[in-house]
């Protein structure tokens, strides 16, 4: 199964729709609640990062029998220092964004924390791509 969501930079009203959609879809097809929660957290953090930092982006989710692959690609300023951005609390969000309650520097670290596999690539002035994989537990009898 394949799902895709467009995320517009600055659109905080729509942020969370992809996360809610993936969680609902996973539960409907019988995926464990904890796995669905992890996928929703990763997706939500990706959505918020796009809304906060990019001009626009896409989140695609591929649901396979053994894994869920969440791919977030954006067009934006990119990340100049990925190791710094992976540290809890590091943020380049503006003061306006922080006053709205976003930009605490937890997005990328949470995406890594709730994923079994995590990759990030970024080019300054072009954008960022994040790939997060959640391994599904083996079903009994397999």
N, C-alpha and C. Protein backbone atom coordinates (compact mmCIF):
# COMPACT_ATOMS: atom_id res chain seq x y z
N UNK A 1 0.85 -1.17 0.00
CA UNK A 1 0.00 0.00 0.00
C UNK A 1 0.90 1.24 0.00
N UNK A 2 0.47 2.25 -0.72
CA UNK A 2 1.25 3.48 -0.83
C UNK A 2 0.35 4.68 -0.58
N UNK A 3 0.81 5.57 0.29
CA UNK A 3 0.09 6.80 0.59
C UNK A 3 1.02 7.98 0.36
N UNK A 4 0.47 9.09 -0.06
CA UNK A 4 1.31 10.28 -0.27
C UNK A 4 0.53 11.52 0.17
N UNK A 5 1.25 12.42 0.83
CA UNK A 5 0.67 13.65 1.34
C UNK A 5 1.54 14.82 0.94
N UNK A 6 0.92 15.89 0.51
CA UNK A 6 1.63 17.14 0.24
C UNK A 6 1.55 17.98 1.52
N UNK A 7 2.68 18.62 1.84
CA UNK A 7 2.73 19.48 3.02
C UNK A 7 3.25 20.84 2.56
N UNK A 8 2.49 21.89 2.84
CA UNK A 8 2.89 23.24 2.47
C UNK A 8 3.60 23.90 3.64
N UNK A 9 4.72 24.54 3.35
CA UNK A 9 5.43 25.28 4.37
C UNK A 9 4.54 26.35 4.97
N UNK A 10 4.58 26.48 6.28
CA UNK A 10 3.80 27.49 6.98
C UNK A 10 2.35 27.13 7.24
N UNK A 11 1.89 25.99 6.73
CA UNK A 11 0.49 25.60 6.91
C UNK A 11 0.34 24.74 8.15
N UNK A 12 0.25 25.39 9.30
CA UNK A 12 0.15 24.68 10.57
C UNK A 12 -1.24 24.10 10.81
N UNK A 13 -2.25 24.65 10.12
CA UNK A 13 -3.62 24.12 10.25
C UNK A 13 -3.71 22.70 9.70
N UNK A 14 -3.03 22.45 8.59
CA UNK A 14 -3.10 21.13 7.95
C UNK A 14 -2.09 20.14 8.53
N UNK A 15 -1.10 20.64 9.25
CA UNK A 15 -0.09 19.75 9.81
C UNK A 15 -0.74 18.77 10.78
N UNK A 16 -0.37 17.53 10.62
CA UNK A 16 -0.95 16.46 11.43
C UNK A 16 -1.90 15.59 10.64
N UNK A 17 -2.32 16.05 9.47
CA UNK A 17 -3.25 15.25 8.67
C UNK A 17 -2.62 13.96 8.18
N UNK A 18 -1.38 14.02 7.75
CA UNK A 18 -0.70 12.80 7.29
C UNK A 18 -0.51 11.83 8.44
N UNK A 19 -0.11 12.35 9.61
CA UNK A 19 0.09 11.49 10.78
C UNK A 19 -1.21 10.81 11.19
N UNK A 20 -2.30 11.57 11.21
CA UNK A 20 -3.59 10.99 11.56
C UNK A 20 -4.02 9.97 10.51
N UNK A 21 -3.76 10.28 9.24
CA UNK A 21 -4.13 9.37 8.16
C UNK A 21 -3.38 8.05 8.23
N UNK A 22 -2.08 8.12 8.48
CA UNK A 22 -1.31 6.87 8.53
C UNK A 22 -1.69 6.04 9.74
N UNK A 23 -1.91 6.70 10.86
CA UNK A 23 -2.30 5.95 12.06
C UNK A 23 -3.64 5.25 11.84
N UNK A 24 -4.59 5.97 11.28
CA UNK A 24 -5.92 5.40 11.01
C UNK A 24 -5.81 4.23 10.03
N UNK A 25 -5.06 4.42 8.96
CA UNK A 25 -4.90 3.37 7.95
C UNK A 25 -4.24 2.13 8.54
N UNK A 26 -3.19 2.31 9.30
CA UNK A 26 -2.49 1.17 9.89
C UNK A 26 -3.39 0.39 10.84
N UNK A 27 -4.17 1.10 11.63
CA UNK A 27 -5.08 0.42 12.56
C UNK A 27 -6.17 -0.34 11.78
N UNK A 28 -6.65 0.27 10.68
CA UNK A 28 -7.69 -0.38 9.88
C UNK A 28 -7.21 -1.67 9.24
N UNK A 29 -5.93 -1.75 8.92
CA UNK A 29 -5.42 -2.98 8.29
C UNK A 29 -4.83 -3.94 9.32
N UNK A 30 -5.03 -3.64 10.60
CA UNK A 30 -4.67 -4.57 11.65
C UNK A 30 -3.25 -4.47 12.19
N UNK A 31 -2.59 -3.36 11.95
CA UNK A 31 -1.24 -3.17 12.49
C UNK A 31 -1.33 -2.84 13.98
N UNK A 32 -0.45 -3.40 14.75
CA UNK A 32 -0.36 -3.20 16.19
C UNK A 32 -0.41 -1.71 16.55
N UNK A 33 -1.12 -1.39 17.62
CA UNK A 33 -1.31 0.00 18.04
C UNK A 33 0.03 0.70 18.32
N UNK A 34 0.98 0.03 18.91
CA UNK A 34 2.28 0.65 19.21
C UNK A 34 3.05 0.97 17.94
N UNK A 35 3.00 0.10 16.97
CA UNK A 35 3.64 0.34 15.68
C UNK A 35 2.97 1.53 14.98
N UNK A 36 1.64 1.55 15.01
CA UNK A 36 0.90 2.67 14.40
C UNK A 36 1.25 3.98 15.09
N UNK A 37 1.40 3.96 16.41
CA UNK A 37 1.78 5.16 17.16
C UNK A 37 3.16 5.65 16.74
N UNK A 38 4.11 4.74 16.63
CA UNK A 38 5.47 5.11 16.20
C UNK A 38 5.46 5.73 14.81
N UNK A 39 4.73 5.11 13.89
CA UNK A 39 4.65 5.63 12.52
C UNK A 39 4.01 7.01 12.52
N UNK A 40 2.99 7.21 13.35
CA UNK A 40 2.33 8.51 13.42
C UNK A 40 3.27 9.58 13.99
N UNK A 41 4.07 9.23 14.97
CA UNK A 41 5.02 10.19 15.55
C UNK A 41 6.05 10.59 14.50
N UNK A 42 6.61 9.62 13.82
CA UNK A 42 7.62 9.92 12.79
C UNK A 42 7.02 10.81 11.71
N UNK A 43 5.81 10.47 11.27
CA UNK A 43 5.14 11.24 10.22
C UNK A 43 4.82 12.65 10.70
N UNK A 44 4.32 12.79 11.91
CA UNK A 44 3.99 14.11 12.45
C UNK A 44 5.24 15.00 12.53
N UNK A 45 6.33 14.45 13.02
CA UNK A 45 7.57 15.24 13.12
C UNK A 45 8.04 15.67 11.74
N UNK A 46 7.89 14.79 10.76
CA UNK A 46 8.27 15.15 9.38
C UNK A 46 7.38 16.27 8.86
N UNK A 47 6.08 16.16 9.11
CA UNK A 47 5.15 17.21 8.69
C UNK A 47 5.51 18.55 9.31
N UNK A 48 5.76 18.54 10.61
CA UNK A 48 6.08 19.79 11.30
C UNK A 48 7.38 20.39 10.80
N UNK A 49 8.38 19.55 10.55
CA UNK A 49 9.64 20.07 10.02
C UNK A 49 9.43 20.76 8.68
N UNK A 50 8.60 20.17 7.83
CA UNK A 50 8.31 20.80 6.54
C UNK A 50 7.55 22.11 6.75
N UNK A 51 6.52 22.08 7.59
CA UNK A 51 5.73 23.29 7.83
C UNK A 51 6.58 24.42 8.41
N UNK A 52 7.49 24.07 9.30
CA UNK A 52 8.32 25.08 9.98
C UNK A 52 9.43 25.60 9.08
N UNK A 53 10.12 24.70 8.38
CA UNK A 53 11.38 25.08 7.74
C UNK A 53 11.36 25.16 6.22
N UNK A 54 10.43 24.48 5.55
CA UNK A 54 10.50 24.37 4.10
C UNK A 54 9.41 25.18 3.41
N UNK A 55 9.52 25.24 2.09
CA UNK A 55 8.52 25.90 1.27
C UNK A 55 7.38 24.93 0.98
N UNK A 56 7.76 23.69 0.67
CA UNK A 56 6.78 22.66 0.44
C UNK A 56 7.46 21.31 0.48
N UNK A 57 6.67 20.28 0.69
CA UNK A 57 7.25 18.95 0.75
C UNK A 57 6.22 17.87 0.51
N UNK A 58 6.73 16.65 0.46
CA UNK A 58 5.90 15.48 0.25
C UNK A 58 6.30 14.42 1.27
N UNK A 59 5.30 13.78 1.83
CA UNK A 59 5.55 12.63 2.70
C UNK A 59 4.90 11.43 2.02
N UNK A 60 5.71 10.43 1.73
CA UNK A 60 5.19 9.20 1.14
C UNK A 60 5.40 8.07 2.13
N UNK A 61 4.41 7.20 2.18
CA UNK A 61 4.44 6.09 3.13
C UNK A 61 4.14 4.81 2.36
N UNK A 62 5.07 3.88 2.45
CA UNK A 62 4.90 2.59 1.81
C UNK A 62 4.73 1.54 2.91
N UNK A 63 3.63 0.83 2.86
CA UNK A 63 3.35 -0.20 3.86
C UNK A 63 3.56 -1.55 3.20
N UNK A 64 4.58 -2.24 3.66
CA UNK A 64 4.94 -3.56 3.15
C UNK A 64 4.66 -4.60 4.24
N UNK A 65 4.66 -5.87 3.90
CA UNK A 65 4.38 -6.89 4.92
C UNK A 65 5.36 -6.88 6.09
N UNK A 66 6.60 -6.47 5.84
CA UNK A 66 7.62 -6.54 6.90
C UNK A 66 8.07 -5.18 7.43
N UNK A 67 7.64 -4.10 6.80
CA UNK A 67 8.11 -2.78 7.22
C UNK A 67 7.22 -1.67 6.70
N UNK A 68 7.36 -0.51 7.37
CA UNK A 68 6.71 0.73 6.93
C UNK A 68 7.84 1.69 6.60
N UNK A 69 7.81 2.24 5.40
CA UNK A 69 8.84 3.19 4.97
C UNK A 69 8.20 4.56 4.86
N UNK A 70 8.73 5.51 5.61
CA UNK A 70 8.24 6.88 5.60
C UNK A 70 9.32 7.74 4.98
N UNK A 71 9.00 8.38 3.87
CA UNK A 71 9.94 9.22 3.14
C UNK A 71 9.41 10.64 3.13
N UNK A 72 10.21 11.56 3.66
CA UNK A 72 9.83 12.98 3.66
C UNK A 72 10.85 13.74 2.83
N UNK A 73 10.39 14.43 1.81
CA UNK A 73 11.25 15.22 0.93
C UNK A 73 10.71 16.64 0.90
N UNK A 74 11.61 17.61 1.07
CA UNK A 74 11.15 18.99 1.02
C UNK A 74 12.02 19.85 0.14
N UNK A 75 11.43 20.96 -0.26
CA UNK A 75 12.15 22.03 -0.95
C UNK A 75 12.26 23.15 0.06
N UNK A 76 13.48 23.46 0.44
CA UNK A 76 13.65 24.48 1.46
C UNK A 76 15.10 24.86 1.60
N UNK A 77 15.44 25.46 2.74
CA UNK A 77 16.80 25.96 2.92
C UNK A 77 17.83 24.86 3.14
N UNK A 78 17.39 23.64 3.42
CA UNK A 78 18.34 22.57 3.71
C UNK A 78 18.92 22.72 5.10
N UNK A 79 19.73 21.75 5.49
CA UNK A 79 20.34 21.73 6.81
C UNK A 79 21.85 21.82 6.64
N UNK A 80 22.43 22.87 7.17
CA UNK A 80 23.88 23.09 7.03
C UNK A 80 24.69 22.15 7.90
N UNK A 81 24.18 21.81 9.08
CA UNK A 81 24.93 21.00 10.04
C UNK A 81 24.02 19.87 10.55
N UNK A 82 24.01 18.76 9.83
CA UNK A 82 23.14 17.64 10.19
C UNK A 82 23.46 17.09 11.58
N UNK A 83 24.73 16.88 11.95
CA UNK A 83 24.99 16.38 13.32
C UNK A 83 24.41 17.29 14.41
N UNK A 84 24.49 18.59 14.23
CA UNK A 84 23.91 19.52 15.20
C UNK A 84 22.39 19.39 15.20
N UNK A 85 21.79 19.30 14.01
CA UNK A 85 20.33 19.20 13.90
C UNK A 85 19.79 17.92 14.53
N UNK A 86 20.62 16.90 14.66
CA UNK A 86 20.20 15.63 15.25
C UNK A 86 20.27 15.66 16.78
N UNK A 87 20.78 16.74 17.34
CA UNK A 87 20.88 16.86 18.80
C UNK A 87 19.56 17.40 19.37
N UNK A 88 19.11 16.78 20.45
CA UNK A 88 17.88 17.24 21.11
C UNK A 88 18.05 18.69 21.55
N UNK A 89 17.08 19.51 21.19
CA UNK A 89 17.10 20.92 21.59
C UNK A 89 17.68 21.86 20.57
N UNK A 90 18.38 21.35 19.56
CA UNK A 90 18.93 22.21 18.52
C UNK A 90 17.81 22.60 17.57
N UNK A 91 17.67 23.89 17.31
CA UNK A 91 16.62 24.35 16.42
C UNK A 91 17.03 25.63 15.71
N UNK A 92 16.63 25.73 14.47
CA UNK A 92 16.82 26.97 13.71
C UNK A 92 15.48 27.69 13.51
N UNK A 93 14.46 27.24 14.22
CA UNK A 93 13.13 27.86 14.10
C UNK A 93 13.19 29.31 14.58
N UNK A 94 12.40 30.14 13.93
CA UNK A 94 12.35 31.55 14.30
C UNK A 94 11.64 31.73 15.64
N UNK A 95 11.79 32.88 16.21
CA UNK A 95 11.11 33.19 17.48
C UNK A 95 9.60 33.12 17.31
N UNK A 96 9.08 33.57 16.16
CA UNK A 96 7.64 33.50 15.90
C UNK A 96 7.14 32.06 15.96
N UNK A 97 7.88 31.15 15.38
CA UNK A 97 7.51 29.74 15.37
C UNK A 97 7.54 29.20 16.81
N UNK A 98 8.55 29.56 17.56
CA UNK A 98 8.67 29.08 18.94
C UNK A 98 7.53 29.62 19.81
N UNK A 99 7.12 30.85 19.55
CA UNK A 99 6.00 31.43 20.31
C UNK A 99 4.70 30.69 20.03
N UNK A 100 4.60 30.06 18.86
CA UNK A 100 3.42 29.25 18.54
C UNK A 100 3.49 27.87 19.20
N UNK A 101 4.62 27.56 19.82
CA UNK A 101 4.77 26.27 20.51
C UNK A 101 5.48 25.21 19.70
N UNK A 102 6.08 25.61 18.59
CA UNK A 102 6.80 24.67 17.74
C UNK A 102 8.28 25.00 17.76
N UNK A 103 9.08 24.14 17.12
CA UNK A 103 10.50 24.44 16.95
C UNK A 103 11.35 24.21 18.19
N UNK A 104 11.00 23.20 18.98
CA UNK A 104 11.74 22.91 20.21
C UNK A 104 13.00 22.09 19.97
N UNK A 105 13.24 21.69 18.73
CA UNK A 105 14.43 20.91 18.45
C UNK A 105 14.29 19.43 18.77
N UNK A 106 13.07 18.92 18.66
CA UNK A 106 12.83 17.50 18.93
C UNK A 106 12.47 16.70 17.69
N UNK A 107 12.20 17.37 16.58
CA UNK A 107 11.69 16.70 15.39
C UNK A 107 12.58 15.59 14.86
N UNK A 108 13.77 15.93 14.41
CA UNK A 108 14.66 14.91 13.87
C UNK A 108 15.08 13.87 14.91
N UNK A 109 15.43 14.29 16.15
CA UNK A 109 15.75 13.27 17.15
C UNK A 109 14.59 12.31 17.42
N UNK A 110 13.35 12.81 17.45
CA UNK A 110 12.21 11.92 17.64
C UNK A 110 12.01 11.00 16.45
N UNK A 111 12.23 11.51 15.25
CA UNK A 111 12.11 10.65 14.07
C UNK A 111 13.10 9.50 14.16
N UNK A 112 14.32 9.80 14.55
CA UNK A 112 15.34 8.75 14.70
C UNK A 112 14.97 7.80 15.83
N UNK A 113 14.51 8.34 16.94
CA UNK A 113 14.17 7.54 18.13
C UNK A 113 13.08 6.51 17.84
N UNK A 114 12.06 6.89 17.08
CA UNK A 114 10.92 6.02 16.85
C UNK A 114 11.03 5.18 15.58
N UNK A 115 12.17 5.24 14.92
CA UNK A 115 12.43 4.46 13.71
C UNK A 115 13.42 3.35 14.01
N UNK A 116 13.33 2.29 13.24
CA UNK A 116 14.33 1.22 13.33
C UNK A 116 15.52 1.52 12.42
N UNK A 117 15.25 2.23 11.34
CA UNK A 117 16.30 2.69 10.42
C UNK A 117 16.01 4.15 10.12
N UNK A 118 17.07 4.95 10.00
CA UNK A 118 16.88 6.38 9.80
C UNK A 118 18.02 6.92 8.94
N UNK A 119 17.68 7.64 7.89
CA UNK A 119 18.69 8.27 7.02
C UNK A 119 18.24 9.69 6.72
N UNK A 120 19.20 10.60 6.66
CA UNK A 120 18.89 11.98 6.31
C UNK A 120 19.96 12.50 5.35
N UNK A 121 19.51 13.20 4.34
CA UNK A 121 20.39 13.87 3.40
C UNK A 121 19.85 15.28 3.21
N UNK A 122 20.74 16.23 3.10
CA UNK A 122 20.31 17.61 2.91
C UNK A 122 21.33 18.37 2.09
N UNK A 123 20.84 19.28 1.30
CA UNK A 123 21.70 20.17 0.53
C UNK A 123 21.22 21.60 0.79
N UNK A 124 22.12 22.43 1.29
CA UNK A 124 21.78 23.81 1.60
C UNK A 124 21.27 24.50 0.33
N UNK A 125 20.15 25.20 0.47
CA UNK A 125 19.55 25.92 -0.64
C UNK A 125 18.69 25.07 -1.55
N UNK A 126 18.62 23.76 -1.28
CA UNK A 126 17.85 22.86 -2.13
C UNK A 126 16.74 22.16 -1.34
N UNK A 127 17.12 21.49 -0.25
CA UNK A 127 16.11 20.80 0.55
C UNK A 127 16.68 19.62 1.30
N UNK A 128 15.77 18.87 1.92
CA UNK A 128 16.14 17.77 2.80
C UNK A 128 15.29 16.55 2.49
N UNK A 129 15.90 15.38 2.59
CA UNK A 129 15.20 14.10 2.44
C UNK A 129 15.48 13.25 3.67
N UNK A 130 14.42 12.72 4.24
CA UNK A 130 14.53 11.84 5.39
C UNK A 130 13.81 10.54 5.07
N UNK A 131 14.47 9.44 5.37
CA UNK A 131 13.88 8.11 5.19
C UNK A 131 13.88 7.41 6.53
N UNK A 132 12.70 7.04 7.01
CA UNK A 132 12.57 6.34 8.28
C UNK A 132 11.85 5.02 8.02
N UNK A 133 12.37 3.97 8.63
CA UNK A 133 11.79 2.64 8.46
C UNK A 133 11.39 2.09 9.82
N UNK A 134 10.21 1.54 9.88
CA UNK A 134 9.73 0.86 11.08
C UNK A 134 9.51 -0.61 10.69
N UNK A 135 10.22 -1.49 11.36
CA UNK A 135 10.12 -2.92 11.09
C UNK A 135 8.88 -3.45 11.81
N UNK A 136 8.08 -4.19 11.07
CA UNK A 136 6.89 -4.78 11.66
C UNK A 136 7.25 -6.09 12.35
N UNK A 137 6.66 -6.34 13.52
CA UNK A 137 6.94 -7.60 14.20
C UNK A 137 6.44 -8.78 13.38
N UNK A 138 7.16 -9.89 13.46
CA UNK A 138 6.75 -11.09 12.74
C UNK A 138 5.42 -11.58 13.31
N UNK A 139 4.56 -12.01 12.44
CA UNK A 139 3.26 -12.53 12.89
C UNK A 139 3.46 -13.96 13.38
N UNK A 140 2.71 -14.32 14.40
CA UNK A 140 2.79 -15.68 14.94
C UNK A 140 2.39 -16.67 13.87
N UNK A 141 3.11 -17.77 13.85
CA UNK A 141 2.83 -18.80 12.87
C UNK A 141 3.67 -18.68 11.62
N UNK A 142 4.48 -17.63 11.52
CA UNK A 142 5.35 -17.44 10.35
C UNK A 142 6.74 -17.90 10.64
